[in-house]
Structure formats: C-alpha cells, structure tokens
C-alpha cells in the first residue's frame, strides 16, 4: 500500500514537472535537481 502511494506521488510529481518544463524551459535544471532531492528523501524515508 505504501509503495503504491509513493509510486503514485512520484508519478504525479513527474507529470507536473513535465508540464512545467514545457511551459518554462529555463526551469528544467532547477526542477530536475529538486525532483532528485525529493526522490532521494522519499527513498531514505521508506
């Protein structure tokens, strides 16, 4: 259950980041770094 929820959250974040990257290409590096940090924290927590 927790793994499914985490996977869904990551998928939703990935979709949102993808849309933002299409709208604001200059944010690609910043958002990619932020996503990696969030993903790392989620991996450490579980």
PDB file of N, CA and C in Angstrom:
ATOM      1  N   UNK A   1       0.849  -1.207   0.000  1.00  0.00           N
ATOM      2  CA  UNK A   1       0.000   0.000   0.000  1.00  0.00           C
ATOM      3  C   UNK A   1       0.878   1.248   0.000  1.00  0.00           C
ATOM      4  N   UNK A   2       1.854   1.290   0.902  1.00  0.00           N
ATOM      5  CA  UNK A   2       2.719   2.467   0.980  1.00  0.00           C
ATOM      6  C   UNK A   2       3.539   2.631  -0.296  1.00  0.00           C
ATOM      7  N   UNK A   3       4.008   1.495  -0.849  1.00  0.00           N
ATOM      8  CA  UNK A   3       4.790   1.573  -2.085  1.00  0.00           C
ATOM      9  C   UNK A   3       3.950   2.108  -3.238  1.00  0.00           C
ATOM     10  N   UNK A   4       2.682   1.662  -3.312  1.00  0.00           N
ATOM     11  CA  UNK A   4       1.804   2.149  -4.365  1.00  0.00           C
ATOM     12  C   UNK A   4       1.554   3.643  -4.217  1.00  0.00           C
ATOM     13  N   UNK A   5       1.337   4.090  -2.989  1.00  0.00           N
ATOM     14  CA  UNK A   5       1.093   5.512  -2.748  1.00  0.00           C
ATOM     15  C   UNK A   5       2.316   6.335  -3.124  1.00  0.00           C
ATOM     16  N   UNK A   6       3.493   5.870  -2.734  1.00  0.00           N
ATOM     17  CA  UNK A   6       4.727   6.585  -3.065  1.00  0.00           C
ATOM     18  C   UNK A   6       4.911   6.644  -4.571  1.00  0.00           C
ATOM     19  N   UNK A   7       4.644   5.532  -5.238  1.00  0.00           N
ATOM     20  CA  UNK A   7       4.799   5.488  -6.692  1.00  0.00           C
ATOM     21  C   UNK A   7       3.818   6.456  -7.366  1.00  0.00           C
ATOM     22  N   UNK A   8       2.588   6.518  -6.850  1.00  0.00           N
ATOM     23  CA  UNK A   8       1.598   7.443  -7.406  1.00  0.00           C
ATOM     24  C   UNK A   8       2.027   8.884  -7.189  1.00  0.00           C
ATOM     25  N   UNK A   9       2.551   9.196  -6.012  1.00  0.00           N
ATOM     26  CA  UNK A   9       3.001  10.562  -5.725  1.00  0.00           C
ATOM     27  C   UNK A   9       4.139  10.936  -6.667  1.00  0.00           C
ATOM     28  N   UNK A  10       5.097  10.033  -6.858  1.00  0.00           N
ATOM     29  CA  UNK A  10       6.214  10.305  -7.753  1.00  0.00           C
ATOM     30  C   UNK A  10       5.717  10.500  -9.179  1.00  0.00           C
ATOM     31  N   UNK A  11       4.741   9.686  -9.598  1.00  0.00           N
ATOM     32  CA  UNK A  11       4.193   9.813 -10.946  1.00  0.00           C
ATOM     33  C   UNK A  11       3.512  11.167 -11.132  1.00  0.00           C
ATOM     34  N   UNK A  12       2.736  11.584 -10.148  1.00  0.00           N
ATOM     35  CA  UNK A  12       2.043  12.876 -10.221  1.00  0.00           C
ATOM     36  C   UNK A  12       3.058  14.015 -10.275  1.00  0.00           C
ATOM     37  N   UNK A  13       4.086  13.944  -9.431  1.00  0.00           N
ATOM     38  CA  UNK A  13       5.126  14.973  -9.437  1.00  0.00           C
ATOM     39  C   UNK A  13       5.828  15.011 -10.793  1.00  0.00           C
ATOM     40  N   UNK A  14       6.113  13.824 -11.349  1.00  0.00           N
ATOM     41  CA  UNK A  14       6.785  13.757 -12.641  1.00  0.00           C
ATOM     42  C   UNK A  14       5.932  14.400 -13.739  1.00  0.00           C
ATOM     43  N   UNK A  15       4.626  14.155 -13.714  1.00  0.00           N
ATOM     44  CA  UNK A  15       3.727  14.752 -14.708  1.00  0.00           C
ATOM     45  C   UNK A  15       3.700  16.267 -14.563  1.00  0.00           C
ATOM     46  N   UNK A  16       3.578  16.752 -13.322  1.00  0.00           N
ATOM     47  CA  UNK A  16       3.555  18.196 -13.075  1.00  0.00           C
ATOM     48  C   UNK A  16       4.861  18.833 -13.543  1.00  0.00           C
ATOM     49  N   UNK A  17       5.997  18.201 -13.204  1.00  0.00           N
ATOM     50  CA  UNK A  17       7.292  18.740 -13.624  1.00  0.00           C
ATOM     51  C   UNK A  17       7.405  18.747 -15.144  1.00  0.00           C
ATOM     52  N   UNK A  18       6.903  17.692 -15.787  1.00  0.00           N
ATOM     53  CA  UNK A  18       6.942  17.636 -17.246  1.00  0.00           C
ATOM     54  C   UNK A  18       6.165  18.786 -17.874  1.00  0.00           C
ATOM     55  N   UNK A  19       4.988  19.069 -17.342  1.00  0.00           N
ATOM     56  CA  UNK A  19       4.172  20.179 -17.854  1.00  0.00           C
ATOM     57  C   UNK A  19       4.886  21.508 -17.621  1.00  0.00           C
ATOM     58  N   UNK A  20       5.438  21.689 -16.425  1.00  0.00           N
ATOM     59  CA  UNK A  20       6.143  22.937 -16.124  1.00  0.00           C
ATOM     60  C   UNK A  20       7.353  23.117 -17.034  1.00  0.00           C
ATOM     61  N   UNK A  21       8.057  22.012 -17.343  1.00  0.00           N
ATOM     62  CA  UNK A  21       9.222  22.113 -18.222  1.00  0.00           C
ATOM     63  C   UNK A  21       8.812  22.533 -19.629  1.00  0.00           C
ATOM     64  N   UNK A  22       7.627  22.094 -20.066  1.00  0.00           N
ATOM     65  CA  UNK A  22       7.140  22.510 -21.381  1.00  0.00           C
ATOM     66  C   UNK A  22       6.810  24.005 -21.390  1.00  0.00           C
ATOM     67  N   UNK A  23       6.247  24.480 -20.283  1.00  0.00           N
ATOM     68  CA  UNK A  23       5.834  25.882 -20.202  1.00  0.00           C
ATOM     69  C   UNK A  23       7.029  26.795 -19.925  1.00  0.00           C
ATOM     70  N   UNK A  24       7.897  26.363 -19.018  1.00  0.00           N
ATOM     71  CA  UNK A  24       9.049  27.176 -18.615  1.00  0.00           C
ATOM     72  C   UNK A  24      10.352  26.399 -18.821  1.00  0.00           C
ATOM     73  N   UNK A  25      10.882  26.376 -20.061  1.00  0.00           N
ATOM     74  CA  UNK A  25      12.091  25.579 -20.343  1.00  0.00           C
ATOM     75  C   UNK A  25      13.296  25.976 -19.498  1.00  0.00           C
ATOM     76  N   UNK A  26      13.374  27.221 -19.053  1.00  0.00           N
ATOM     77  CA  UNK A  26      14.542  27.655 -18.281  1.00  0.00           C
ATOM     78  C   UNK A  26      14.576  27.042 -16.881  1.00  0.00           C
ATOM     79  N   UNK A  27      13.479  26.429 -16.448  1.00  0.00           N
ATOM     80  CA  UNK A  27      13.423  25.832 -15.112  1.00  0.00           C
ATOM     81  C   UNK A  27      13.841  24.364 -15.106  1.00  0.00           C
ATOM     82  N   UNK A  28      14.208  23.823 -16.280  1.00  0.00           N
ATOM     83  CA  UNK A  28      14.479  22.392 -16.386  1.00  0.00           C
ATOM     84  C   UNK A  28      15.531  21.937 -15.379  1.00  0.00           C
ATOM     85  N   UNK A  29      16.670  22.603 -15.325  1.00  0.00           N
ATOM     86  CA  UNK A  29      17.743  22.211 -14.421  1.00  0.00           C
ATOM     87  C   UNK A  29      17.335  22.305 -12.968  1.00  0.00           C
ATOM     88  N   UNK A  30      16.685  23.388 -12.611  1.00  0.00           N
ATOM     89  CA  UNK A  30      16.245  23.596 -11.229  1.00  0.00           C
ATOM     90  C   UNK A  30      15.253  22.523 -10.809  1.00  0.00           C
ATOM     91  N   UNK A  31      14.259  22.278 -11.675  1.00  0.00           N
ATOM     92  CA  UNK A  31      13.229  21.301 -11.329  1.00  0.00           C
ATOM     93  C   UNK A  31      13.785  19.883 -11.304  1.00  0.00           C
ATOM     94  N   UNK A  32      14.711  19.580 -12.195  1.00  0.00           N
ATOM     95  CA  UNK A  32      15.319  18.242 -12.191  1.00  0.00           C
ATOM     96  C   UNK A  32      16.074  18.023 -10.886  1.00  0.00           C
ATOM     97  N   UNK A  33      16.822  19.021 -10.445  1.00  0.00           N
ATOM     98  CA  UNK A  33      17.548  18.916  -9.182  1.00  0.00           C
ATOM     99  C   UNK A  33      16.594  18.762  -8.009  1.00  0.00           C
ATOM    100  N   UNK A  34      15.528  19.548  -8.014  1.00  0.00           N
ATOM    101  CA  UNK A  34      14.534  19.470  -6.940  1.00  0.00           C
ATOM    102  C   UNK A  34      13.891  18.095  -6.900  1.00  0.00           C
ATOM    103  N   UNK A  35      13.563  17.569  -8.079  1.00  0.00           N
ATOM    104  CA  UNK A  35      12.939  16.245  -8.155  1.00  0.00           C
ATOM    105  C   UNK A  35      13.885  15.171  -7.612  1.00  0.00           C
ATOM    106  N   UNK A  36      15.162  15.273  -7.948  1.00  0.00           N
ATOM    107  CA  UNK A  36      16.135  14.297  -7.456  1.00  0.00           C
ATOM    108  C   UNK A  36      16.256  14.364  -5.936  1.00  0.00           C
ATOM    109  N   UNK A  37      16.239  15.570  -5.384  1.00  0.00           N
ATOM    110  CA  UNK A  37      16.311  15.730  -3.925  1.00  0.00           C
ATOM    111  C   UNK A  37      15.081  15.102  -3.258  1.00  0.00           C
ATOM    112  N   UNK A  38      13.897  15.379  -3.787  1.00  0.00           N
ATOM    113  CA  UNK A  38      12.661  14.825  -3.224  1.00  0.00           C
ATOM    114  C   UNK A  38      12.681  13.309  -3.316  1.00  0.00           C
ATOM    115  N   UNK A  39      13.094  12.786  -4.487  1.00  0.00           N
ATOM    116  CA  UNK A  39      13.137  11.343  -4.671  1.00  0.00           C
ATOM    117  C   UNK A  39      14.106  10.694  -3.676  1.00  0.00           C
ATOM    118  N   UNK A  40      15.250  11.324  -3.485  1.00  0.00           N
ATOM    119  CA  UNK A  40      16.235  10.810  -2.530  1.00  0.00           C
ATOM    120  C   UNK A  40      15.684  10.777  -1.114  1.00  0.00           C
ATOM    121  N   UNK A  41      14.972  11.830  -0.717  1.00  0.00           N
ATOM    122  CA  UNK A  41      14.388  11.885   0.624  1.00  0.00           C
ATOM    123  C   UNK A  41      13.327  10.787   0.788  1.00  0.00           C
ATOM    124  N   UNK A  42      12.481  10.606  -0.241  1.00  0.00           N
ATOM    125  CA  UNK A  42      11.457   9.553  -0.167  1.00  0.00           C
ATOM    126  C   UNK A  42      12.099   8.177  -0.052  1.00  0.00           C
ATOM    127  N   UNK A  43      13.187   7.953  -0.768  1.00  0.00           N
ATOM    128  CA  UNK A  43      13.880   6.662  -0.696  1.00  0.00           C
ATOM    129  C   UNK A  43      14.462   6.436   0.694  1.00  0.00           C
ATOM    130  N   UNK A  44      14.997   7.487   1.305  1.00  0.00           N
ATOM    131  CA  UNK A  44      15.568   7.345   2.646  1.00  0.00           C
ATOM    132  C   UNK A  44      14.495   7.084   3.688  1.00  0.00           C
ATOM    133  N   UNK A  45      13.334   7.692   3.521  1.00  0.00           N
ATOM    134  CA  UNK A  45      12.250   7.547   4.491  1.00  0.00           C
ATOM    135  C   UNK A  45      11.699   6.125   4.485  1.00  0.00           C
ATOM    136  N   UNK A  46      11.547   5.529   3.310  1.00  0.00           N
ATOM    137  CA  UNK A  46      10.927   4.182   3.272  1.00  0.00           C
ATOM    138  C   UNK A  46      11.927   3.091   3.516  1.00  0.00           C
TER     139      UNK A  46
END
